[in-house]
Amino acid sequence: MLVLSSKIKYGIAALMELVNYQGKDLLQTKLIAERRSIPPNYLEQLLNQLTRAGIVRAVRGSKGGYQLALPPEEITFLQVWEIMEGSLEIAKNDTPHHNDVLQDLYRETELAIRRVFSISLAELAARQQKYEDRAQENLMFHI
């Protein structure tokens, strides 16, 4: 079973908060943690990892915080996965030759997952906005 780790889920959630805040001031860890229900100490570790990878920019000090280091169009879910967990690999290529059909199936599966997870943060944000717009429409009362 393919299960996303909390590192990936929280890392993406934090990045999506930074996407939503893009163009404004720096976003502080406390606010990200509150908005996305991420344990603050864990969030710091994740943001440090993303900063080292060049995805996030950190500014220290009382007015410090975080912001995206790259445009959201240039950051993909797959990149975040690989930063947080390493390479996405369905099965190692070490099966005997008589299992070539299975190896092909594993390779196809991996390529399909990579294709889906190559979505950019900008595309995810656009999807989120559509989702929120539909939810808002469902809440509207018509007289």
N, C-alpha and C. Protein backbone atom coordinates (compact mmCIF):
# COMPACT_ATOMS: atom_id res chain seq x y z
N MET A 1 0.84 -1.17 0.00
CA MET A 1 0.00 0.00 0.00
C MET A 1 0.89 1.24 0.00
N LEU A 2 0.57 2.15 -0.86
CA LEU A 2 1.29 3.41 -0.95
C LEU A 2 0.62 4.41 -0.01
N VAL A 3 1.35 4.81 1.02
CA VAL A 3 0.82 5.73 2.01
C VAL A 3 1.75 6.94 2.09
N LEU A 4 1.17 8.13 2.03
CA LEU A 4 1.97 9.34 2.17
C LEU A 4 2.34 9.53 3.63
N SER A 5 3.60 9.82 3.86
CA SER A 5 4.07 10.04 5.23
C SER A 5 3.59 11.40 5.75
N SER A 6 3.65 11.55 7.06
CA SER A 6 3.28 12.83 7.66
C SER A 6 4.25 13.92 7.20
N LYS A 7 5.49 13.56 6.92
CA LYS A 7 6.46 14.55 6.42
C LYS A 7 5.97 15.16 5.11
N ILE A 8 5.50 14.31 4.21
CA ILE A 8 5.02 14.80 2.92
C ILE A 8 3.73 15.60 3.10
N LYS A 9 2.79 15.03 3.85
CA LYS A 9 1.50 15.72 4.04
C LYS A 9 1.70 17.08 4.69
N TYR A 10 2.46 17.14 5.78
CA TYR A 10 2.68 18.40 6.48
C TYR A 10 3.55 19.35 5.65
N GLY A 11 4.54 18.79 4.95
CA GLY A 11 5.39 19.63 4.11
C GLY A 11 4.59 20.31 3.01
N ILE A 12 3.73 19.57 2.35
CA ILE A 12 2.88 20.14 1.30
C ILE A 12 1.91 21.15 1.91
N ALA A 13 1.33 20.82 3.05
CA ALA A 13 0.39 21.75 3.70
C ALA A 13 1.08 23.07 4.03
N ALA A 14 2.28 23.00 4.56
CA ALA A 14 3.03 24.22 4.88
C ALA A 14 3.35 25.02 3.62
N LEU A 15 3.75 24.32 2.57
CA LEU A 15 4.05 25.01 1.31
C LEU A 15 2.80 25.65 0.72
N MET A 16 1.67 24.98 0.83
CA MET A 16 0.42 25.55 0.32
C MET A 16 0.06 26.82 1.09
N GLU A 17 0.36 26.84 2.37
CA GLU A 17 0.12 28.05 3.16
C GLU A 17 1.02 29.18 2.65
N LEU A 18 2.27 28.85 2.32
CA LEU A 18 3.19 29.85 1.77
C LEU A 18 2.74 30.32 0.39
N VAL A 19 2.17 29.42 -0.40
CA VAL A 19 1.63 29.81 -1.71
C VAL A 19 0.50 30.82 -1.51
N ASN A 20 -0.39 30.52 -0.57
CA ASN A 20 -1.53 31.41 -0.31
C ASN A 20 -1.08 32.77 0.21
N TYR A 21 0.07 32.82 0.82
CA TYR A 21 0.58 34.05 1.44
C TYR A 21 1.58 34.76 0.53
N GLN A 22 1.83 34.20 -0.64
CA GLN A 22 2.85 34.72 -1.55
C GLN A 22 2.57 36.17 -1.93
N GLY A 23 3.64 36.95 -2.00
CA GLY A 23 3.53 38.35 -2.36
C GLY A 23 3.27 39.25 -1.16
N LYS A 24 3.05 38.64 -0.02
CA LYS A 24 2.84 39.41 1.21
C LYS A 24 4.13 39.32 2.02
N ASP A 25 4.06 39.68 3.28
CA ASP A 25 5.23 39.57 4.16
C ASP A 25 5.63 38.12 4.37
N LEU A 26 6.65 37.95 5.19
CA LEU A 26 7.08 36.61 5.57
C LEU A 26 6.01 35.98 6.47
N LEU A 27 5.93 34.68 6.41
CA LEU A 27 4.96 33.95 7.21
C LEU A 27 5.69 33.24 8.34
N GLN A 28 5.23 33.46 9.55
CA GLN A 28 5.90 32.87 10.71
C GLN A 28 5.41 31.45 10.97
N THR A 29 6.30 30.66 11.54
CA THR A 29 6.03 29.26 11.82
C THR A 29 4.77 29.09 12.65
N LYS A 30 4.60 29.93 13.64
CA LYS A 30 3.46 29.82 14.54
C LYS A 30 2.14 29.89 13.77
N LEU A 31 2.07 30.80 12.82
CA LEU A 31 0.85 30.97 12.03
C LEU A 31 0.61 29.77 11.11
N ILE A 32 1.66 29.30 10.47
CA ILE A 32 1.53 28.11 9.61
C ILE A 32 1.05 26.93 10.45
N ALA A 33 1.66 26.74 11.60
CA ALA A 33 1.32 25.62 12.48
C ALA A 33 -0.14 25.69 12.91
N GLU A 34 -0.59 26.88 13.26
CA GLU A 34 -1.98 27.05 13.69
C GLU A 34 -2.95 26.79 12.54
N ARG A 35 -2.68 27.38 11.40
CA ARG A 35 -3.60 27.27 10.26
C ARG A 35 -3.69 25.86 9.72
N ARG A 36 -2.59 25.12 9.76
CA ARG A 36 -2.55 23.79 9.15
C ARG A 36 -2.50 22.65 10.18
N SER A 37 -2.62 22.99 11.46
CA SER A 37 -2.61 21.98 12.54
C SER A 37 -1.38 21.08 12.47
N ILE A 38 -0.23 21.72 12.40
CA ILE A 38 1.05 21.00 12.35
C ILE A 38 1.78 21.28 13.66
N PRO A 39 2.30 20.25 14.32
CA PRO A 39 3.07 20.49 15.54
C PRO A 39 4.24 21.44 15.23
N PRO A 40 4.37 22.55 15.97
CA PRO A 40 5.37 23.58 15.65
C PRO A 40 6.81 23.07 15.55
N ASN A 41 7.23 22.21 16.46
CA ASN A 41 8.61 21.70 16.40
C ASN A 41 8.84 20.85 15.15
N TYR A 42 7.85 20.06 14.80
CA TYR A 42 7.94 19.25 13.60
C TYR A 42 7.96 20.14 12.36
N LEU A 43 7.14 21.17 12.37
CA LEU A 43 7.09 22.12 11.26
C LEU A 43 8.45 22.77 11.04
N GLU A 44 9.10 23.16 12.12
CA GLU A 44 10.45 23.77 12.02
C GLU A 44 11.41 22.83 11.31
N GLN A 45 11.37 21.55 11.67
CA GLN A 45 12.24 20.56 11.03
C GLN A 45 11.95 20.47 9.52
N LEU A 46 10.66 20.43 9.19
CA LEU A 46 10.28 20.32 7.78
C LEU A 46 10.69 21.57 7.00
N LEU A 47 10.46 22.74 7.58
CA LEU A 47 10.84 23.98 6.90
C LEU A 47 12.35 24.09 6.74
N ASN A 48 13.10 23.61 7.73
CA ASN A 48 14.56 23.59 7.60
C ASN A 48 14.99 22.69 6.44
N GLN A 49 14.34 21.55 6.31
CA GLN A 49 14.65 20.63 5.22
C GLN A 49 14.32 21.28 3.87
N LEU A 50 13.19 21.95 3.78
CA LEU A 50 12.79 22.62 2.54
C LEU A 50 13.68 23.82 2.24
N THR A 51 14.17 24.48 3.29
CA THR A 51 15.09 25.60 3.11
C THR A 51 16.42 25.10 2.55
N ARG A 52 16.94 24.02 3.13
CA ARG A 52 18.21 23.45 2.64
C ARG A 52 18.08 23.01 1.18
N ALA A 53 16.89 22.58 0.78
CA ALA A 53 16.67 22.13 -0.60
C ALA A 53 16.45 23.29 -1.57
N GLY A 54 16.33 24.52 -1.04
CA GLY A 54 16.16 25.68 -1.90
C GLY A 54 14.72 25.97 -2.32
N ILE A 55 13.77 25.31 -1.68
CA ILE A 55 12.35 25.51 -2.00
C ILE A 55 11.79 26.70 -1.20
N VAL A 56 12.29 26.84 0.01
CA VAL A 56 11.80 27.87 0.94
C VAL A 56 12.97 28.77 1.32
N ARG A 57 12.65 30.03 1.58
CA ARG A 57 13.64 30.99 2.06
C ARG A 57 13.27 31.37 3.48
N ALA A 58 14.26 31.33 4.37
CA ALA A 58 14.04 31.66 5.78
C ALA A 58 14.75 32.96 6.12
N VAL A 59 14.08 33.78 6.91
CA VAL A 59 14.67 35.02 7.41
C VAL A 59 14.57 34.97 8.92
N ARG A 60 15.69 35.12 9.59
CA ARG A 60 15.72 35.06 11.05
C ARG A 60 15.41 36.43 11.64
N GLY A 61 15.07 36.42 12.91
CA GLY A 61 14.85 37.67 13.62
C GLY A 61 13.40 37.84 14.02
N SER A 62 13.14 38.93 14.76
CA SER A 62 11.80 39.16 15.28
C SER A 62 10.78 39.38 14.17
N LYS A 63 11.20 39.89 13.04
CA LYS A 63 10.29 40.09 11.90
C LYS A 63 10.51 39.02 10.84
N GLY A 64 11.18 37.95 11.25
CA GLY A 64 11.52 36.89 10.31
C GLY A 64 10.36 35.96 10.02
N GLY A 65 10.64 34.99 9.21
CA GLY A 65 9.65 34.01 8.83
C GLY A 65 10.08 33.29 7.57
N TYR A 66 9.11 32.77 6.86
CA TYR A 66 9.38 31.96 5.67
C TYR A 66 8.60 32.47 4.48
N GLN A 67 9.15 32.20 3.31
CA GLN A 67 8.46 32.45 2.05
C GLN A 67 9.02 31.48 1.01
N LEU A 68 8.30 31.31 -0.06
CA LEU A 68 8.79 30.44 -1.12
C LEU A 68 10.03 31.06 -1.75
N ALA A 69 11.01 30.23 -2.06
CA ALA A 69 12.23 30.69 -2.72
C ALA A 69 12.08 30.62 -4.24
N LEU A 70 11.09 29.90 -4.69
CA LEU A 70 10.81 29.73 -6.11
C LEU A 70 9.34 30.03 -6.38
N PRO A 71 9.00 30.37 -7.60
CA PRO A 71 7.58 30.53 -7.92
C PRO A 71 6.85 29.19 -7.75
N PRO A 72 5.59 29.22 -7.32
CA PRO A 72 4.86 27.96 -7.11
C PRO A 72 4.70 27.13 -8.38
N GLU A 73 4.82 27.76 -9.54
CA GLU A 73 4.77 27.02 -10.81
C GLU A 73 5.99 26.12 -10.99
N GLU A 74 7.06 26.42 -10.27
CA GLU A 74 8.31 25.66 -10.42
C GLU A 74 8.52 24.61 -9.34
N ILE A 75 7.59 24.48 -8.43
CA ILE A 75 7.70 23.51 -7.34
C ILE A 75 6.62 22.46 -7.54
N THR A 76 7.02 21.19 -7.59
CA THR A 76 6.03 20.13 -7.77
C THR A 76 5.89 19.28 -6.51
N PHE A 77 4.75 18.63 -6.44
CA PHE A 77 4.50 17.68 -5.35
C PHE A 77 5.61 16.62 -5.34
N LEU A 78 6.00 16.16 -6.53
CA LEU A 78 7.04 15.13 -6.64
C LEU A 78 8.37 15.62 -6.07
N GLN A 79 8.73 16.88 -6.34
CA GLN A 79 9.97 17.43 -5.77
C GLN A 79 9.92 17.39 -4.25
N VAL A 80 8.80 17.78 -3.70
CA VAL A 80 8.65 17.79 -2.25
C VAL A 80 8.76 16.36 -1.71
N TRP A 81 8.13 15.42 -2.39
CA TRP A 81 8.23 14.00 -2.01
C TRP A 81 9.70 13.60 -1.93
N GLU A 82 10.44 13.91 -3.00
CA GLU A 82 11.84 13.48 -3.07
C GLU A 82 12.71 14.19 -2.04
N ILE A 83 12.37 15.42 -1.70
CA ILE A 83 13.11 16.13 -0.65
C ILE A 83 12.83 15.47 0.70
N MET A 84 11.59 15.15 0.94
CA MET A 84 11.18 14.63 2.25
C MET A 84 11.51 13.15 2.44
N GLU A 85 11.36 12.36 1.37
CA GLU A 85 11.45 10.91 1.52
C GLU A 85 12.47 10.23 0.62
N GLY A 86 13.07 10.98 -0.28
CA GLY A 86 13.97 10.35 -1.24
C GLY A 86 13.21 9.96 -2.49
N SER A 87 13.87 9.25 -3.35
CA SER A 87 13.31 8.89 -4.66
C SER A 87 12.07 8.02 -4.53
N LEU A 88 11.10 8.30 -5.37
CA LEU A 88 9.88 7.49 -5.45
C LEU A 88 10.23 6.24 -6.23
N GLU A 89 10.12 5.10 -5.58
CA GLU A 89 10.48 3.84 -6.23
C GLU A 89 9.47 2.79 -5.83
N ILE A 90 8.79 2.20 -6.80
CA ILE A 90 7.77 1.19 -6.53
C ILE A 90 8.43 -0.15 -6.20
N ALA A 91 9.38 -0.56 -7.01
CA ALA A 91 10.08 -1.82 -6.77
C ALA A 91 11.49 -1.70 -7.31
N LYS A 92 12.42 -2.25 -6.58
CA LYS A 92 13.81 -2.23 -7.04
C LYS A 92 13.93 -3.07 -8.31
N ASN A 93 14.83 -2.69 -9.17
CA ASN A 93 15.02 -3.40 -10.43
C ASN A 93 16.00 -4.56 -10.23
N ASP A 94 15.64 -5.47 -9.32
CA ASP A 94 16.55 -6.58 -9.02
C ASP A 94 15.84 -7.94 -9.10
N THR A 95 14.69 -7.98 -9.82
CA THR A 95 13.97 -9.24 -9.94
C THR A 95 14.60 -10.10 -11.02
N PRO A 96 14.47 -11.41 -10.91
CA PRO A 96 15.01 -12.31 -11.94
C PRO A 96 14.37 -12.03 -13.30
N HIS A 97 15.05 -12.44 -14.36
CA HIS A 97 14.59 -12.16 -15.73
C HIS A 97 13.22 -12.74 -16.05
N HIS A 98 12.84 -13.83 -15.40
CA HIS A 98 11.54 -14.42 -15.73
C HIS A 98 10.37 -13.56 -15.23
N ASN A 99 10.65 -12.49 -14.51
CA ASN A 99 9.60 -11.58 -14.04
C ASN A 99 9.60 -10.26 -14.80
N ASP A 100 10.05 -10.27 -16.05
CA ASP A 100 10.11 -9.04 -16.83
C ASP A 100 8.76 -8.35 -16.96
N VAL A 101 7.68 -9.13 -17.08
CA VAL A 101 6.34 -8.56 -17.21
C VAL A 101 5.99 -7.80 -15.93
N LEU A 102 6.31 -8.36 -14.79
CA LEU A 102 6.04 -7.68 -13.52
C LEU A 102 6.89 -6.42 -13.39
N GLN A 103 8.14 -6.51 -13.79
CA GLN A 103 9.01 -5.34 -13.72
C GLN A 103 8.47 -4.22 -14.60
N ASP A 104 7.96 -4.58 -15.78
CA ASP A 104 7.33 -3.58 -16.65
C ASP A 104 6.12 -2.96 -15.97
N LEU A 105 5.31 -3.77 -15.32
CA LEU A 105 4.14 -3.26 -14.62
C LEU A 105 4.55 -2.29 -13.51
N TYR A 106 5.58 -2.65 -12.75
CA TYR A 106 6.07 -1.76 -11.69
C TYR A 106 6.57 -0.44 -12.26
N ARG A 107 7.29 -0.52 -13.37
CA ARG A 107 7.83 0.67 -14.01
C ARG A 107 6.69 1.57 -14.53
N GLU A 108 5.67 0.96 -15.14
CA GLU A 108 4.50 1.72 -15.62
C GLU A 108 3.79 2.41 -14.45
N THR A 109 3.65 1.68 -13.36
CA THR A 109 2.99 2.24 -12.17
C THR A 109 3.77 3.43 -11.64
N GLU A 110 5.06 3.26 -11.55
CA GLU A 110 5.91 4.35 -11.06
C GLU A 110 5.80 5.58 -11.97
N LEU A 111 5.82 5.36 -13.27
CA LEU A 111 5.70 6.48 -14.22
C LEU A 111 4.36 7.18 -14.08
N ALA A 112 3.29 6.42 -13.88
CA ALA A 112 1.95 7.01 -13.71
C ALA A 112 1.89 7.85 -12.44
N ILE A 113 2.45 7.33 -11.37
CA ILE A 113 2.46 8.08 -10.10
C ILE A 113 3.30 9.34 -10.25
N ARG A 114 4.45 9.22 -10.89
CA ARG A 114 5.29 10.39 -11.12
C ARG A 114 4.56 11.45 -11.95
N ARG A 115 3.82 11.01 -12.95
CA ARG A 115 3.07 11.94 -13.79
C ARG A 115 2.02 12.70 -12.96
N VAL A 116 1.28 11.98 -12.14
CA VAL A 116 0.25 12.61 -11.30
C VAL A 116 0.89 13.55 -10.28
N PHE A 117 1.97 13.11 -9.66
CA PHE A 117 2.62 13.90 -8.61
C PHE A 117 3.50 15.02 -9.17
N SER A 118 3.58 15.15 -10.48
CA SER A 118 4.34 16.25 -11.08
C SER A 118 3.52 17.54 -11.12
N ILE A 119 2.40 17.55 -10.46
CA ILE A 119 1.56 18.74 -10.39
C ILE A 119 2.28 19.83 -9.60
N SER A 120 2.19 21.05 -10.08
CA SER A 120 2.87 22.16 -9.39
C SER A 120 2.02 22.67 -8.24
N LEU A 121 2.67 23.38 -7.33
CA LEU A 121 1.94 24.00 -6.23
C LEU A 121 0.95 25.02 -6.75
N ALA A 122 1.27 25.68 -7.84
CA ALA A 122 0.34 26.65 -8.44
C ALA A 122 -0.93 25.94 -8.91
N GLU A 123 -0.76 24.78 -9.55
CA GLU A 123 -1.93 24.02 -9.99
C GLU A 123 -2.74 23.52 -8.81
N LEU A 124 -2.07 23.07 -7.76
CA LEU A 124 -2.78 22.64 -6.55
C LEU A 124 -3.55 23.80 -5.93
N ALA A 125 -2.94 24.97 -5.90
CA ALA A 125 -3.62 26.15 -5.34
C ALA A 125 -4.85 26.50 -6.17
N ALA A 126 -4.76 26.39 -7.48
CA ALA A 126 -5.90 26.66 -8.35
C ALA A 126 -7.02 25.65 -8.09
N ARG A 127 -6.66 24.40 -7.93
CA ARG A 127 -7.66 23.37 -7.61
C ARG A 127 -8.31 23.66 -6.26
N GLN A 128 -7.50 24.05 -5.29
CA GLN A 128 -8.02 24.37 -3.96
C GLN A 128 -9.02 25.52 -4.05
N GLN A 129 -8.69 26.53 -4.84
CA GLN A 129 -9.57 27.69 -4.99
C GLN A 129 -10.91 27.27 -5.60
N LYS A 130 -10.86 26.42 -6.62
CA LYS A 130 -12.10 25.92 -7.23
C LYS A 130 -12.93 25.15 -6.22
N TYR A 131 -12.27 24.33 -5.43
CA TYR A 131 -12.94 23.54 -4.39
C TYR A 131 -13.62 24.46 -3.38
N GLU A 132 -12.90 25.49 -2.94
CA GLU A 132 -13.46 26.43 -1.97
C GLU A 132 -14.60 27.24 -2.58
N ASP A 133 -14.49 27.61 -3.85
CA ASP A 133 -15.56 28.34 -4.53
C ASP A 133 -16.83 27.49 -4.60
N ARG A 134 -16.67 26.21 -4.95
CA ARG A 134 -17.84 25.31 -5.01
C ARG A 134 -18.46 25.14 -3.63
N ALA A 135 -17.64 25.00 -2.61
CA ALA A 135 -18.15 24.85 -1.24
C ALA A 135 -18.91 26.10 -0.83
N GLN A 136 -18.40 27.26 -1.21
CA GLN A 136 -19.06 28.53 -0.88
C GLN A 136 -20.40 28.64 -1.61
N GLU A 137 -20.43 28.21 -2.86
CA GLU A 137 -21.69 28.24 -3.62
C GLU A 137 -22.75 27.36 -2.96
N ASN A 138 -22.33 26.23 -2.45
CA ASN A 138 -23.26 25.32 -1.79
C ASN A 138 -23.81 25.90 -0.49
N LEU A 139 -23.09 26.83 0.11
CA LEU A 139 -23.53 27.45 1.36
C LEU A 139 -24.42 28.66 1.14
N MET A 140 -24.44 29.17 -0.07
CA MET A 140 -25.22 30.39 -0.33
C MET A 140 -26.72 30.09 -0.30
N PHE A 141 -27.45 31.00 0.27
CA PHE A 141 -28.90 30.90 0.31
C PHE A 141 -29.47 31.80 -0.77
N HIS A 142 -30.44 31.30 -1.49
CA HIS A 142 -31.08 32.10 -2.53
C HIS A 142 -32.50 32.41 -2.10
N ILE A 143 -32.86 33.67 -2.23
CA ILE A 143 -34.22 34.10 -1.83
C ILE A 143 -35.02 34.44 -3.07
